[in-house]
Every structure is written in C-alpha cells, then in structure tokens.
Protein backbone atom coordinates (compact mmCIF):
# COMPACT_ATOMS: atom_id res chain seq x y z
CA UNK A 1 -7.28 20.28 14.84
CA UNK A 2 -8.62 19.53 11.37
CA UNK A 3 -10.28 16.30 10.25
CA UNK A 4 -10.09 15.07 6.68
CA UNK A 5 -11.86 12.27 4.84
CA UNK A 6 -12.12 11.04 1.28
CA UNK A 7 -15.54 10.39 -0.24
CA UNK A 8 -16.12 9.41 -3.86
CA UNK A 9 -12.57 10.46 -4.68
CA UNK A 10 -12.98 13.95 -3.19
CA UNK A 11 -11.10 15.09 -0.09
CA UNK A 12 -13.35 16.70 2.53
CA UNK A 13 -11.88 18.92 5.25
CA UNK A 14 -13.54 20.03 8.49
CA UNK A 15 -13.38 23.48 10.00
CA UNK A 16 -10.25 24.22 12.02
CA UNK A 17 -10.51 24.04 15.82
CA UNK A 18 -7.95 25.27 18.37
CA UNK A 19 -7.03 22.71 21.03
CA UNK A 20 -4.98 23.52 24.10
CA UNK A 21 -3.89 21.58 27.14
CA UNK A 22 -2.30 22.72 30.38
CA UNK A 23 0.59 20.95 32.07
CA UNK A 24 -0.46 18.41 34.67
CA UNK A 25 0.68 15.39 36.63
CA UNK A 26 -0.34 12.88 33.96
CA UNK A 27 0.00 12.62 30.19
CA UNK A 28 -2.96 11.37 28.19
CA UNK A 29 -3.32 10.04 24.67
CA UNK A 30 -6.54 10.30 22.63
CA UNK A 31 -7.33 8.22 19.56
CA UNK A 32 -10.41 8.57 17.38
CA UNK A 33 -11.65 5.45 15.59
CA UNK A 34 -11.94 5.70 11.79
CA UNK A 35 -15.64 4.71 12.00
CA UNK A 36 -18.12 5.80 10.83
CA UNK A 37 -16.99 6.02 7.25
CA UNK A 38 -19.79 8.26 6.06
CA UNK A 39 -22.34 10.82 7.08
CA UNK A 40 -24.67 13.56 5.90
CA UNK A 41 -23.35 17.12 5.50
CA UNK A 42 -24.33 19.43 8.41
CA UNK A 43 -25.74 16.53 10.46
CA UNK A 44 -24.24 15.21 13.73
CA UNK A 45 -22.31 11.96 13.60
CA UNK A 46 -21.19 9.68 16.43
CA UNK A 47 -17.54 8.66 16.64
CA UNK A 48 -15.63 6.32 18.93
CA UNK A 49 -12.65 7.63 20.89
CA UNK A 50 -10.24 6.05 23.37
CA UNK A 51 -8.49 8.01 26.12
CA UNK A 52 -5.52 6.59 28.01
CA UNK A 53 -3.14 7.74 30.75
CA UNK A 54 0.28 7.02 29.20
CA UNK A 55 2.11 8.16 32.34
CA UNK A 56 0.99 4.93 34.05
CA UNK A 57 2.98 1.76 33.48
CA UNK A 58 1.40 0.02 31.67
CA UNK A 59 -0.75 2.76 30.07
CA UNK A 60 -4.26 2.75 31.55
CA UNK A 61 -7.58 3.36 29.77
CA UNK A 62 -9.60 6.24 31.26
CA UNK A 63 -13.29 5.32 31.41
CA UNK A 64 -16.20 7.67 32.06
CA UNK A 65 -14.41 10.80 30.85
CA UNK A 66 -16.03 13.43 28.65
CA UNK A 67 -14.39 14.36 25.37
CA UNK A 68 -15.78 17.34 23.47
CA UNK A 69 -15.02 17.91 19.82
CA UNK A 70 -16.44 21.17 18.56
C-alpha cells in the first residue's frame, strides 16, 4: 500500500507497505477518509477509517475493531 497526497503543487508519496489478508468466512471493505488534509513531516497524524462487512446483506459497519497502518 502506498499513500499519495498533493501539497503546494508537489506530489508526496509515503513509504511502501505490504498488506496481506487470509481467506475467511466474511469479506471486509476498508475506506480511509481524505481528512486531514495536511500534516508535519515525520510527525504522527490521525486519520478516520471505516470498516464494513460486505458479506452481510445489507453491508454492516464493524465497530470497535483495530486497524493498524504502519
């Protein structure tokens, strides 16, 4: 996974991270909100993510789950 952003006309690219999942009973979908729109280089930043079980009908939000982005 690689994140990109544009700041002052320059494209910034994060380090590459390998992501792997194993097959399971349910299928999930993760979205990451576009906020915040700025930050300081080499400083942590908080983001908002939503995780849903798309195997359920209708898809169901998964609350209280931990998502780690390294």
